[in-house]
Amino acid sequence: ELGIRKLKITGGEPLVRPGCPELIRMLKKIPGIEQVTMTTNGVA
């Protein structure tokens, strides 16, 4: 609501936390959020 439009999910390693993909879904539903991306080490 203040103008944040892009989100990057990071860690640690975000994919070691259970339910991480579900968080992506939750954030994508927020009005005004245009992009949700992720940084990962790629192992999982």
PDB file of all heavy atoms in Angstrom:
ATOM      1  N   GLU A   1       0.817  -1.213   0.000  1.00  0.00           N
ATOM      2  CA  GLU A   1       0.000   0.000   0.000  1.00  0.00           C
ATOM      3  C   GLU A   1       0.854   1.267   0.000  1.00  0.00           C
ATOM      4  O   GLU A   1       0.375   2.343  -0.363  1.00  0.00           O
ATOM      5  CB  GLU A   1      -0.943  -0.001   1.211  1.00  0.00           C
ATOM      6  CG  GLU A   1      -2.017  -1.085   1.138  1.00  0.00           C
ATOM      7  CD  GLU A   1      -3.012  -0.999   2.280  1.00  0.00           C
ATOM      8  OE1 GLU A   1      -2.970   0.008   3.035  1.00  0.00           O
ATOM      9  OE2 GLU A   1      -3.831  -1.924   2.416  1.00  0.00           O
ATOM     10  N   LEU A   2       2.121   1.122   0.379  1.00  0.00           N
ATOM     11  CA  LEU A   2       3.052   2.254   0.365  1.00  0.00           C
ATOM     12  C   LEU A   2       3.848   2.340  -0.936  1.00  0.00           C
ATOM     13  O   LEU A   2       4.564   3.316  -1.158  1.00  0.00           O
ATOM     14  CB  LEU A   2       4.024   2.139   1.545  1.00  0.00           C
ATOM     15  CG  LEU A   2       3.412   2.232   2.931  1.00  0.00           C
ATOM     16  CD1 LEU A   2       4.478   1.980   3.999  1.00  0.00           C
ATOM     17  CD2 LEU A   2       2.755   3.590   3.164  1.00  0.00           C
ATOM     18  N   GLY A   3       3.742   1.312  -1.775  1.00  0.00           N
ATOM     19  CA  GLY A   3       4.433   1.373  -3.056  1.00  0.00           C
ATOM     20  C   GLY A   3       5.408   0.255  -3.345  1.00  0.00           C
ATOM     21  O   GLY A   3       6.058   0.257  -4.393  1.00  0.00           O
ATOM     22  N   ILE A   4       5.553  -0.713  -2.424  1.00  0.00           N
ATOM     23  CA  ILE A   4       6.402  -1.868  -2.733  1.00  0.00           C
ATOM     24  C   ILE A   4       5.693  -2.709  -3.785  1.00  0.00           C
ATOM     25  O   ILE A   4       4.543  -3.107  -3.609  1.00  0.00           O
ATOM     26  CB  ILE A   4       6.696  -2.705  -1.467  1.00  0.00           C
ATOM     27  CG1 ILE A   4       7.558  -1.906  -0.485  1.00  0.00           C
ATOM     28  CG2 ILE A   4       7.379  -4.026  -1.840  1.00  0.00           C
ATOM     29  CD1 ILE A   4       8.949  -1.586  -0.992  1.00  0.00           C
ATOM     30  N   ARG A   5       6.397  -2.986  -4.876  1.00  0.00           N
ATOM     31  CA  ARG A   5       5.798  -3.708  -6.002  1.00  0.00           C
ATOM     32  C   ARG A   5       6.483  -5.045  -6.290  1.00  0.00           C
ATOM     33  O   ARG A   5       5.890  -5.931  -6.903  1.00  0.00           O
ATOM     34  CB  ARG A   5       5.873  -2.833  -7.267  1.00  0.00           C
ATOM     35  CG  ARG A   5       5.044  -1.551  -7.163  1.00  0.00           C
ATOM     36  CD  ARG A   5       3.565  -1.866  -7.214  1.00  0.00           C
ATOM     37  NE  ARG A   5       2.732  -0.701  -6.946  1.00  0.00           N
ATOM     38  CZ  ARG A   5       2.147  -0.432  -5.788  1.00  0.00           C
ATOM     39  NH1 ARG A   5       2.304  -1.264  -4.767  1.00  0.00           N
ATOM     40  NH2 ARG A   5       1.393   0.627  -5.631  1.00  0.00           N
ATOM     41  N   LYS A   6       7.748  -5.178  -5.868  1.00  0.00           N
ATOM     42  CA  LYS A   6       8.529  -6.369  -6.208  1.00  0.00           C
ATOM     43  C   LYS A   6       9.112  -6.979  -4.950  1.00  0.00           C
ATOM     44  O   LYS A   6       9.656  -6.274  -4.100  1.00  0.00           O
ATOM     45  CB  LYS A   6       9.627  -5.984  -7.196  1.00  0.00           C
ATOM     46  CG  LYS A   6       9.096  -5.539  -8.554  1.00  0.00           C
ATOM     47  CD  LYS A   6      10.112  -4.774  -9.356  1.00  0.00           C
ATOM     48  CE  LYS A   6      10.251  -3.343  -8.874  1.00  0.00           C
ATOM     49  NZ  LYS A   6      11.039  -2.496  -9.791  1.00  0.00           N
ATOM     50  N   LEU A   7       9.017  -8.305  -4.843  1.00  0.00           N
ATOM     51  CA  LEU A   7       9.491  -9.029  -3.675  1.00  0.00           C
ATOM     52  C   LEU A   7      10.479 -10.105  -4.109  1.00  0.00           C
ATOM     53  O   LEU A   7      10.281 -10.773  -5.133  1.00  0.00           O
ATOM     54  CB  LEU A   7       8.334  -9.689  -2.929  1.00  0.00           C
ATOM     55  CG  LEU A   7       7.179  -8.775  -2.484  1.00  0.00           C
ATOM     56  CD1 LEU A   7       6.045  -9.614  -1.900  1.00  0.00           C
ATOM     57  CD2 LEU A   7       7.655  -7.743  -1.469  1.00  0.00           C
ATOM     58  N   LYS A   8      11.533 -10.265  -3.320  1.00  0.00           N
ATOM     59  CA  LYS A   8      12.513 -11.332  -3.549  1.00  0.00           C
ATOM     60  C   LYS A   8      12.592 -12.183  -2.294  1.00  0.00           C
ATOM     61  O   LYS A   8      12.879 -11.687  -1.205  1.00  0.00           O
ATOM     62  CB  LYS A   8      13.885 -10.744  -3.853  1.00  0.00           C
ATOM     63  CG  LYS A   8      15.017 -11.760  -3.907  1.00  0.00           C
ATOM     64  CD  LYS A   8      15.053 -12.497  -5.219  1.00  0.00           C
ATOM     65  CE  LYS A   8      15.582 -11.587  -6.310  1.00  0.00           C
ATOM     66  NZ  LYS A   8      15.630 -12.304  -7.625  1.00  0.00           N
ATOM     67  N   ILE A   9      12.336 -13.482  -2.414  1.00  0.00           N
ATOM     68  CA  ILE A   9      12.409 -14.397  -1.283  1.00  0.00           C
ATOM     69  C   ILE A   9      13.816 -14.969  -1.213  1.00  0.00           C
ATOM     70  O   ILE A   9      14.340 -15.518  -2.181  1.00  0.00           O
ATOM     71  CB  ILE A   9      11.373 -15.531  -1.438  1.00  0.00           C
ATOM     72  CG1 ILE A   9       9.961 -14.951  -1.575  1.00  0.00           C
ATOM     73  CG2 ILE A   9      11.456 -16.478  -0.252  1.00  0.00           C
ATOM     74  CD1 ILE A   9       9.553 -14.039  -0.440  1.00  0.00           C
ATOM     75  N   THR A  10      14.441 -14.841  -0.042  1.00  0.00           N
ATOM     76  CA  THR A  10      15.803 -15.313   0.152  1.00  0.00           C
ATOM     77  C   THR A  10      15.904 -16.080   1.466  1.00  0.00           C
ATOM     78  O   THR A  10      14.922 -16.323   2.142  1.00  0.00           O
ATOM     79  CB  THR A  10      16.801 -14.132   0.172  1.00  0.00           C
ATOM     80  OG1 THR A  10      16.675 -13.421   1.416  1.00  0.00           O
ATOM     81  CG2 THR A  10      16.560 -13.164  -0.967  1.00  0.00           C
ATOM     82  N   GLY A  11      17.135 -16.433   1.846  1.00  0.00           N
ATOM     83  CA  GLY A  11      17.408 -17.078   3.122  1.00  0.00           C
ATOM     84  C   GLY A  11      18.689 -16.526   3.703  1.00  0.00           C
ATOM     85  O   GLY A  11      18.984 -15.344   3.483  1.00  0.00           O
ATOM     86  N   GLY A  12      19.478 -17.378   4.324  1.00  0.00           N
ATOM     87  CA  GLY A  12      19.557 -18.822   4.255  1.00  0.00           C
ATOM     88  C   GLY A  12      19.155 -19.371   2.891  1.00  0.00           C
ATOM     89  O   GLY A  12      19.256 -18.728   1.873  1.00  0.00           O
ATOM     90  N   GLU A  13      18.678 -20.588   2.933  1.00  0.00           N
ATOM     91  CA  GLU A  13      18.147 -21.229   1.737  1.00  0.00           C
ATOM     92  C   GLU A  13      16.641 -21.360   1.896  1.00  0.00           C
ATOM     93  O   GLU A  13      16.154 -22.132   2.731  1.00  0.00           O
ATOM     94  CB  GLU A  13      18.781 -22.605   1.541  1.00  0.00           C
ATOM     95  CG  GLU A  13      18.101 -23.481   0.508  1.00  0.00           C
ATOM     96  CD  GLU A  13      17.855 -22.772  -0.810  1.00  0.00           C
ATOM     97  OE1 GLU A  13      18.757 -22.033  -1.292  1.00  0.00           O
ATOM     98  OE2 GLU A  13      16.761 -22.940  -1.374  1.00  0.00           O
ATOM     99  N   PRO A  14      15.868 -20.575   1.140  1.00  0.00           N
ATOM    100  CA  PRO A  14      14.419 -20.546   1.369  1.00  0.00           C
ATOM    101  C   PRO A  14      13.731 -21.884   1.181  1.00  0.00           C
ATOM    102  O   PRO A  14      12.726 -22.165   1.855  1.00  0.00           O
ATOM    103  CB  PRO A  14      13.922 -19.511   0.342  1.00  0.00           C
ATOM    104  CG  PRO A  14      15.016 -19.383  -0.664  1.00  0.00           C
ATOM    105  CD  PRO A  14      16.286 -19.645   0.083  1.00  0.00           C
ATOM    106  N   LEU A  15      14.255 -22.734   0.307  1.00  0.00           N
ATOM    107  CA  LEU A  15      13.564 -23.997   0.031  1.00  0.00           C
ATOM    108  C   LEU A  15      13.760 -25.051   1.114  1.00  0.00           C
ATOM    109  O   LEU A  15      13.147 -26.122   1.044  1.00  0.00           O
ATOM    110  CB  LEU A  15      13.995 -24.548  -1.326  1.00  0.00           C
ATOM    111  CG  LEU A  15      13.512 -23.727  -2.530  1.00  0.00           C
ATOM    112  CD1 LEU A  15      14.056 -24.290  -3.825  1.00  0.00           C
ATOM    113  CD2 LEU A  15      11.984 -23.644  -2.571  1.00  0.00           C
ATOM    114  N   VAL A  16      14.580 -24.769   2.135  1.00  0.00           N
ATOM    115  CA  VAL A  16      14.651 -25.709   3.257  1.00  0.00           C
ATOM    116  C   VAL A  16      13.526 -25.460   4.259  1.00  0.00           C
ATOM    117  O   VAL A  16      13.276 -26.284   5.130  1.00  0.00           O
ATOM    118  CB  VAL A  16      16.020 -25.659   3.993  1.00  0.00           C
ATOM    119  CG1 VAL A  16      17.160 -25.923   3.046  1.00  0.00           C
ATOM    120  CG2 VAL A  16      16.210 -24.338   4.730  1.00  0.00           C
ATOM    121  N   ARG A  17      12.846 -24.342   4.125  1.00  0.00           N
ATOM    122  CA  ARG A  17      11.730 -24.077   5.030  1.00  0.00           C
ATOM    123  C   ARG A  17      10.459 -24.678   4.447  1.00  0.00           C
ATOM    124  O   ARG A  17      10.040 -24.334   3.330  1.00  0.00           O
ATOM    125  CB  ARG A  17      11.544 -22.574   5.252  1.00  0.00           C
ATOM    126  CG  ARG A  17      10.403 -22.275   6.231  1.00  0.00           C
ATOM    127  CD  ARG A  17      10.392 -20.847   6.699  1.00  0.00           C
ATOM    128  NE  ARG A  17       9.233 -20.611   7.557  1.00  0.00           N
ATOM    129  CZ  ARG A  17       8.923 -19.458   8.132  1.00  0.00           C
ATOM    130  NH1 ARG A  17       9.725 -18.414   7.935  1.00  0.00           N
ATOM    131  NH2 ARG A  17       7.853 -19.334   8.874  1.00  0.00           N
ATOM    132  N   PRO A  18       9.815 -25.571   5.187  1.00  0.00           N
ATOM    133  CA  PRO A  18       8.599 -26.209   4.675  1.00  0.00           C
ATOM    134  C   PRO A  18       7.542 -25.174   4.297  1.00  0.00           C
ATOM    135  O   PRO A  18       7.353 -24.175   4.997  1.00  0.00           O
ATOM    136  CB  PRO A  18       8.130 -27.074   5.855  1.00  0.00           C
ATOM    137  CG  PRO A  18       9.376 -27.345   6.643  1.00  0.00           C
ATOM    138  CD  PRO A  18      10.201 -26.096   6.512  1.00  0.00           C
ATOM    139  N   GLY A  19       6.880 -25.417   3.174  1.00  0.00           N
ATOM    140  CA  GLY A  19       5.786 -24.542   2.770  1.00  0.00           C
ATOM    141  C   GLY A  19       6.205 -23.321   1.978  1.00  0.00           C
ATOM    142  O   GLY A  19       5.359 -22.473   1.672  1.00  0.00           O
ATOM    143  N   CYS A  20       7.473 -23.217   1.609  1.00  0.00           N
ATOM    144  CA  CYS A  20       7.935 -22.037   0.880  1.00  0.00           C
ATOM    145  C   CYS A  20       7.112 -21.764  -0.383  1.00  0.00           C
ATOM    146  O   CYS A  20       6.737 -20.616  -0.638  1.00  0.00           O
ATOM    147  CB  CYS A  20       9.416 -22.182   0.552  1.00  0.00           C
ATOM    148  SG  CYS A  20      10.087 -20.817  -0.422  1.00  0.00           S
ATOM    149  N   PRO A  21       6.818 -22.759  -1.212  1.00  0.00           N
ATOM    150  CA  PRO A  21       5.987 -22.473  -2.396  1.00  0.00           C
ATOM    151  C   PRO A  21       4.630 -21.874  -2.047  1.00  0.00           C
ATOM    152  O   PRO A  21       4.095 -21.055  -2.796  1.00  0.00           O
ATOM    153  CB  PRO A  21       5.836 -23.856  -3.057  1.00  0.00           C
ATOM    154  CG  PRO A  21       7.072 -24.598  -2.637  1.00  0.00           C
ATOM    155  CD  PRO A  21       7.297 -24.164  -1.225  1.00  0.00           C
ATOM    156  N   GLU A  22       4.066 -22.286  -0.911  1.00  0.00           N
ATOM    157  CA  GLU A  22       2.777 -21.729  -0.490  1.00  0.00           C
ATOM    158  C   GLU A  22       2.912 -20.246  -0.167  1.00  0.00           C
ATOM    159  O   GLU A  22       2.000 -19.451  -0.443  1.00  0.00           O
ATOM    160  CB  GLU A  22       2.249 -22.499   0.726  1.00  0.00           C
ATOM    161  CG  GLU A  22       0.978 -21.937   1.343  1.00  0.00           C
ATOM    162  CD  GLU A  22      -0.231 -21.989   0.405  1.00  0.00           C
ATOM    163  OE1 GLU A  22      -0.179 -22.698  -0.619  1.00  0.00           O
ATOM    164  OE2 GLU A  22      -1.234 -21.310   0.714  1.00  0.00           O
ATOM    165  N   LEU A  23       4.046 -19.837   0.392  1.00  0.00           N
ATOM    166  CA  LEU A  23       4.268 -18.417   0.646  1.00  0.00           C
ATOM    167  C   LEU A  23       4.254 -17.632  -0.665  1.00  0.00           C
ATOM    168  O   LEU A  23       3.711 -16.518  -0.722  1.00  0.00           O
ATOM    169  CB  LEU A  23       5.604 -18.196   1.371  1.00  0.00           C
ATOM    170  CG  LEU A  23       5.999 -16.732   1.577  1.00  0.00           C
ATOM    171  CD1 LEU A  23       5.001 -16.012   2.480  1.00  0.00           C
ATOM    172  CD2 LEU A  23       7.414 -16.631   2.158  1.00  0.00           C
ATOM    173  N   ILE A  24       4.835 -18.196  -1.720  1.00  0.00           N
ATOM    174  CA  ILE A  24       4.818 -17.534  -3.022  1.00  0.00           C
ATOM    175  C   ILE A  24       3.370 -17.258  -3.436  1.00  0.00           C
ATOM    176  O   ILE A  24       3.025 -16.158  -3.885  1.00  0.00           O
ATOM    177  CB  ILE A  24       5.514 -18.397  -4.090  1.00  0.00           C
ATOM    178  CG1 ILE A  24       6.965 -18.707  -3.686  1.00  0.00           C
ATOM    179  CG2 ILE A  24       5.450 -17.710  -5.449  1.00  0.00           C
ATOM    180  CD1 ILE A  24       7.850 -17.504  -3.546  1.00  0.00           C
ATOM    181  N   ARG A  25       2.516 -18.253  -3.263  1.00  0.00           N
ATOM    182  CA  ARG A  25       1.098 -18.092  -3.622  1.00  0.00           C
ATOM    183  C   ARG A  25       0.456 -16.982  -2.796  1.00  0.00           C
ATOM    184  O   ARG A  25      -0.282 -16.136  -3.329  1.00  0.00           O
ATOM    185  CB  ARG A  25       0.347 -19.407  -3.396  1.00  0.00           C
ATOM    186  CG  ARG A  25      -1.117 -19.372  -3.840  1.00  0.00           C
ATOM    187  CD  ARG A  25      -1.883 -20.592  -3.348  1.00  0.00           C
ATOM    188  NE  ARG A  25      -1.965 -20.630  -1.891  1.00  0.00           N
ATOM    189  CZ  ARG A  25      -2.828 -19.899  -1.168  1.00  0.00           C
ATOM    190  NH1 ARG A  25      -3.682 -19.088  -1.780  1.00  0.00           N
ATOM    191  NH2 ARG A  25      -2.838 -20.000   0.139  1.00  0.00           N
ATOM    192  N   MET A  26       0.747 -16.946  -1.491  1.00  0.00           N
ATOM    193  CA  MET A  26       0.166 -15.934  -0.615  1.00  0.00           C
ATOM    194  C   MET A  26       0.591 -14.526  -1.029  1.00  0.00           C
ATOM    195  O   MET A  26      -0.215 -13.587  -1.055  1.00  0.00           O
ATOM    196  CB  MET A  26       0.582 -16.219   0.842  1.00  0.00           C
ATOM    197  CG  MET A  26       0.008 -17.515   1.403  1.00  0.00           C
ATOM    198  SD  MET A  26       0.853 -18.100   2.906  1.00  0.00           S
ATOM    199  CE  MET A  26       0.360 -16.833   4.087  1.00  0.00           C
ATOM    200  N   LEU A  27       1.845 -14.374  -1.359  1.00  0.00           N
ATOM    201  CA  LEU A  27       2.364 -13.048  -1.716  1.00  0.00           C
ATOM    202  C   LEU A  27       1.853 -12.594  -3.082  1.00  0.00           C
ATOM    203  O   LEU A  27       1.598 -11.403  -3.298  1.00  0.00           O
ATOM    204  CB  LEU A  27       3.892 -13.067  -1.706  1.00  0.00           C
ATOM    205  CG  LEU A  27       4.542 -13.365  -0.352  1.00  0.00           C
ATOM    206  CD1 LEU A  27       6.066 -13.369  -0.485  1.00  0.00           C
ATOM    207  CD2 LEU A  27       4.102 -12.373   0.716  1.00  0.00           C
ATOM    208  N   LYS A  28       1.703 -13.533  -4.009  1.00  0.00           N
ATOM    209  CA  LYS A  28       1.217 -13.182  -5.341  1.00  0.00           C
ATOM    210  C   LYS A  28      -0.223 -12.672  -5.312  1.00  0.00           C
ATOM    211  O   LYS A  28      -0.663 -11.962  -6.228  1.00  0.00           O
ATOM    212  CB  LYS A  28       1.317 -14.396  -6.268  1.00  0.00           C
ATOM    213  CG  LYS A  28       2.726 -14.767  -6.664  1.00  0.00           C
ATOM    214  CD  LYS A  28       3.285 -13.821  -7.719  1.00  0.00           C
ATOM    215  CE  LYS A  28       2.600 -14.029  -9.061  1.00  0.00           C
ATOM    216  NZ  LYS A  28       3.241 -13.220 -10.139  1.00  0.00           N
ATOM    217  N   LYS A  29      -0.954 -13.022  -4.270  1.00  0.00           N
ATOM    218  CA  LYS A  29      -2.358 -12.598  -4.156  1.00  0.00           C
ATOM    219  C   LYS A  29      -2.501 -11.181  -3.611  1.00  0.00           C
ATOM    220  O   LYS A  29      -3.610 -10.630  -3.620  1.00  0.00           O
ATOM    221  CB  LYS A  29      -3.118 -13.573  -3.253  1.00  0.00           C
ATOM    222  CG  LYS A  29      -3.431 -14.914  -3.904  1.00  0.00           C
ATOM    223  CD  LYS A  29      -4.325 -15.739  -3.004  1.00  0.00           C
ATOM    224  CE  LYS A  29      -4.795 -17.004  -3.710  1.00  0.00           C
ATOM    225  NZ  LYS A  29      -5.723 -17.788  -2.849  1.00  0.00           N
ATOM    226  N   ILE A  30      -1.434 -10.592  -3.125  1.00  0.00           N
ATOM    227  CA  ILE A  30      -1.521  -9.265  -2.510  1.00  0.00           C
ATOM    228  C   ILE A  30      -1.731  -8.207  -3.596  1.00  0.00           C
ATOM    229  O   ILE A  30      -0.938  -8.123  -4.546  1.00  0.00           O
ATOM    230  CB  ILE A  30      -0.253  -8.935  -1.702  1.00  0.00           C
ATOM    231  CG1 ILE A  30      -0.090  -9.923  -0.552  1.00  0.00           C
ATOM    232  CG2 ILE A  30      -0.300  -7.510  -1.177  1.00  0.00           C
ATOM    233  CD1 ILE A  30       1.212  -9.754   0.211  1.00  0.00           C
ATOM    234  N   PRO A  31      -2.765  -7.381  -3.498  1.00  0.00           N
ATOM    235  CA  PRO A  31      -2.979  -6.319  -4.480  1.00  0.00           C
ATOM    236  C   PRO A  31      -1.759  -5.383  -4.541  1.00  0.00           C
ATOM    237  O   PRO A  31      -1.217  -4.993  -3.510  1.00  0.00           O
ATOM    238  CB  PRO A  31      -4.208  -5.574  -3.940  1.00  0.00           C
ATOM    239  CG  PRO A  31      -4.925  -6.586  -3.111  1.00  0.00           C
ATOM    240  CD  PRO A  31      -3.851  -7.429  -2.484  1.00  0.00           C
ATOM    241  N   GLY A  32      -1.334  -5.073  -5.741  1.00  0.00           N
ATOM    242  CA  GLY A  32      -0.202  -4.166  -5.922  1.00  0.00           C
ATOM    243  C   GLY A  32       1.133  -4.855  -6.105  1.00  0.00           C
ATOM    244  O   GLY A  32       2.078  -4.253  -6.617  1.00  0.00           O
ATOM    245  N   ILE A  33       1.228  -6.118  -5.698  1.00  0.00           N
ATOM    246  CA  ILE A  33       2.489  -6.848  -5.882  1.00  0.00           C
ATOM    247  C   ILE A  33       2.550  -7.355  -7.318  1.00  0.00           C
ATOM    248  O   ILE A  33       1.713  -8.140  -7.759  1.00  0.00           O
ATOM    249  CB  ILE A  33       2.615  -8.019  -4.888  1.00  0.00           C
ATOM    250  CG1 ILE A  33       2.696  -7.482  -3.453  1.00  0.00           C
ATOM    251  CG2 ILE A  33       3.852  -8.855  -5.210  1.00  0.00           C
ATOM    252  CD1 ILE A  33       3.858  -6.554  -3.180  1.00  0.00           C
ATOM    253  N   GLU A  34       3.561  -6.911  -8.040  1.00  0.00           N
ATOM    254  CA  GLU A  34       3.677  -7.220  -9.462  1.00  0.00           C
ATOM    255  C   GLU A  34       4.609  -8.400  -9.740  1.00  0.00           C
ATOM    256  O   GLU A  34       4.493  -9.040 -10.790  1.00  0.00           O
ATOM    257  CB  GLU A  34       4.195  -5.990 -10.213  1.00  0.00           C
ATOM    258  CG  GLU A  34       3.270  -4.773 -10.093  1.00  0.00           C
ATOM    259  CD  GLU A  34       3.887  -3.513 -10.640  1.00  0.00           C
ATOM    260  OE1 GLU A  34       5.062  -3.575 -11.086  1.00  0.00           O
ATOM    261  OE2 GLU A  34       3.212  -2.470 -10.629  1.00  0.00           O
ATOM    262  N   GLN A  35       5.515  -8.661  -8.808  1.00  0.00           N
ATOM    263  CA  GLN A  35       6.524  -9.681  -9.092  1.00  0.00           C
ATOM    264  C   GLN A  35       7.019 -10.306  -7.796  1.00  0.00           C
ATOM    265  O   GLN A  35       7.302  -9.602  -6.831  1.00  0.00           O
ATOM    266  CB  GLN A  35       7.692  -9.029  -9.828  1.00  0.00           C
ATOM    267  CG  GLN A  35       8.764  -9.987 -10.310  1.00  0.00           C
ATOM    268  CD  GLN A  35       9.931  -9.252 -10.933  1.00  0.00           C
ATOM    269  OE1 GLN A  35      10.775  -8.706 -10.226  1.00  0.00           O
ATOM    270  NE2 GLN A  35       9.979  -9.211 -12.257  1.00  0.00           N
ATOM    271  N   VAL A  36       7.102 -11.636  -7.787  1.00  0.00           N
ATOM    272  CA  VAL A  36       7.690 -12.370  -6.669  1.00  0.00           C
ATOM    273  C   VAL A  36       8.743 -13.310  -7.248  1.00  0.00           C
ATOM    274  O   VAL A  36       8.426 -14.190  -8.061  1.00  0.00           O
ATOM    275  CB  VAL A  36       6.646 -13.165  -5.870  1.00  0.00           C
ATOM    276  CG1 VAL A  36       7.323 -13.908  -4.717  1.00  0.00           C
ATOM    277  CG2 VAL A  36       5.551 -12.241  -5.326  1.00  0.00           C
ATOM    278  N   THR A  37       9.986 -13.123  -6.840  1.00  0.00           N
ATOM    279  CA  THR A  37      11.088 -13.936  -7.333  1.00  0.00           C
ATOM    280  C   THR A  37      11.810 -14.577  -6.145  1.00  0.00           C
ATOM    281  O   THR A  37      11.470 -14.327  -4.988  1.00  0.00           O
ATOM    282  CB  THR A  37      12.061 -13.090  -8.165  1.00  0.00           C
ATOM    283  OG1 THR A  37      12.599 -12.039  -7.328  1.00  0.00           O
ATOM    284  CG2 THR A  37      11.353 -12.444  -9.349  1.00  0.00           C
ATOM    285  N   MET A  38      12.812 -15.384  -6.429  1.00  0.00           N
ATOM    286  CA  MET A  38      13.497 -16.120  -5.365  1.00  0.00           C
ATOM    287  C   MET A  38      14.982 -16.253  -5.680  1.00  0.00           C
ATOM    288  O   MET A  38      15.374 -16.389  -6.843  1.00  0.00           O
ATOM    289  CB  MET A  38      12.881 -17.517  -5.216  1.00  0.00           C
ATOM    290  CG  MET A  38      13.616 -18.430  -4.237  1.00  0.00           C
ATOM    291  SD  MET A  38      12.889 -20.098  -4.180  1.00  0.00           S
ATOM    292  CE  MET A  38      11.333 -19.722  -3.386  1.00  0.00           C
ATOM    293  N   THR A  39      15.789 -16.211  -4.619  1.00  0.00           N
ATOM    294  CA  THR A  39      17.201 -16.583  -4.701  1.00  0.00           C
ATOM    295  C   THR A  39      17.391 -17.887  -3.943  1.00  0.00           C
ATOM    296  O   THR A  39      16.976 -18.008  -2.786  1.00  0.00           O
ATOM    297  CB  THR A  39      18.105 -15.494  -4.108  1.00  0.00           C
ATOM    298  OG1 THR A  39      18.023 -14.328  -4.925  1.00  0.00           O
ATOM    299  CG2 THR A  39      19.547 -15.959  -4.068  1.00  0.00           C
ATOM    300  N   THR A  40      18.017 -18.883  -4.591  1.00  0.00           N
ATOM    301  CA  THR A  40      18.189 -20.206  -4.000  1.00  0.00           C
ATOM    302  C   THR A  40      19.557 -20.758  -4.377  1.00  0.00           C
ATOM    303  O   THR A  40      20.161 -20.309  -5.362  1.00  0.00           O
ATOM    304  CB  THR A  40      17.094 -21.176  -4.510  1.00  0.00           C
ATOM    305  OG1 THR A  40      17.375 -22.507  -4.084  1.00  0.00           O
ATOM    306  CG2 THR A  40      17.005 -21.172  -6.022  1.00  0.00           C
ATOM    307  N   ASN A  41      20.047 -21.716  -3.600  1.00  0.00           N
ATOM    308  CA  ASN A  41      21.289 -22.384  -4.004  1.00  0.00           C
ATOM    309  C   ASN A  41      21.028 -23.483  -5.027  1.00  0.00           C
ATOM    310  O   ASN A  41      21.956 -24.090  -5.553  1.00  0.00           O
ATOM    311  CB  ASN A  41      22.055 -22.935  -2.802  1.00  0.00           C
ATOM    312  CG  ASN A  41      21.266 -23.957  -1.989  1.00  0.00           C
ATOM    313  OD1 ASN A  41      20.480 -24.734  -2.520  1.00  0.00           O
ATOM    314  ND2 ASN A  41      21.495 -23.966  -0.682  1.00  0.00           N
ATOM    315  N   GLY A  42      19.760 -23.769  -5.295  1.00  0.00           N
ATOM    316  CA  GLY A  42      19.401 -24.688  -6.360  1.00  0.00           C
ATOM    317  C   GLY A  42      19.391 -26.159  -6.001  1.00  0.00           C
ATOM    318  O   GLY A  42      18.939 -26.989  -6.810  1.00  0.00           O
ATOM    319  N   VAL A  43      19.863 -26.519  -4.818  1.00  0.00           N
ATOM    320  CA  VAL A  43      19.955 -27.932  -4.454  1.00  0.00           C
ATOM    321  C   VAL A  43      18.588 -28.613  -4.487  1.00  0.00           C
ATOM    322  O   VAL A  43      18.444 -29.742  -4.975  1.00  0.00           O
ATOM    323  CB  VAL A  43      20.613 -28.092  -3.061  1.00  0.00           C
ATOM    324  CG1 VAL A  43      20.485 -29.529  -2.562  1.00  0.00           C
ATOM    325  CG2 VAL A  43      22.069 -27.672  -3.118  1.00  0.00           C
ATOM    326  N   ALA A  44      17.563 -27.938  -3.974  1.00  0.00           N
ATOM    327  CA  ALA A  44      16.221 -28.528  -3.912  1.00  0.00           C
ATOM    328  C   ALA A  44      15.280 -27.948  -4.964  1.00  0.00           C
ATOM    329  O   ALA A  44      14.073 -28.180  -4.903  1.00  0.00           O
ATOM    330  CB  ALA A  44      15.629 -28.316  -2.515  1.00  0.00           C
TER     331      ALA A  44
END
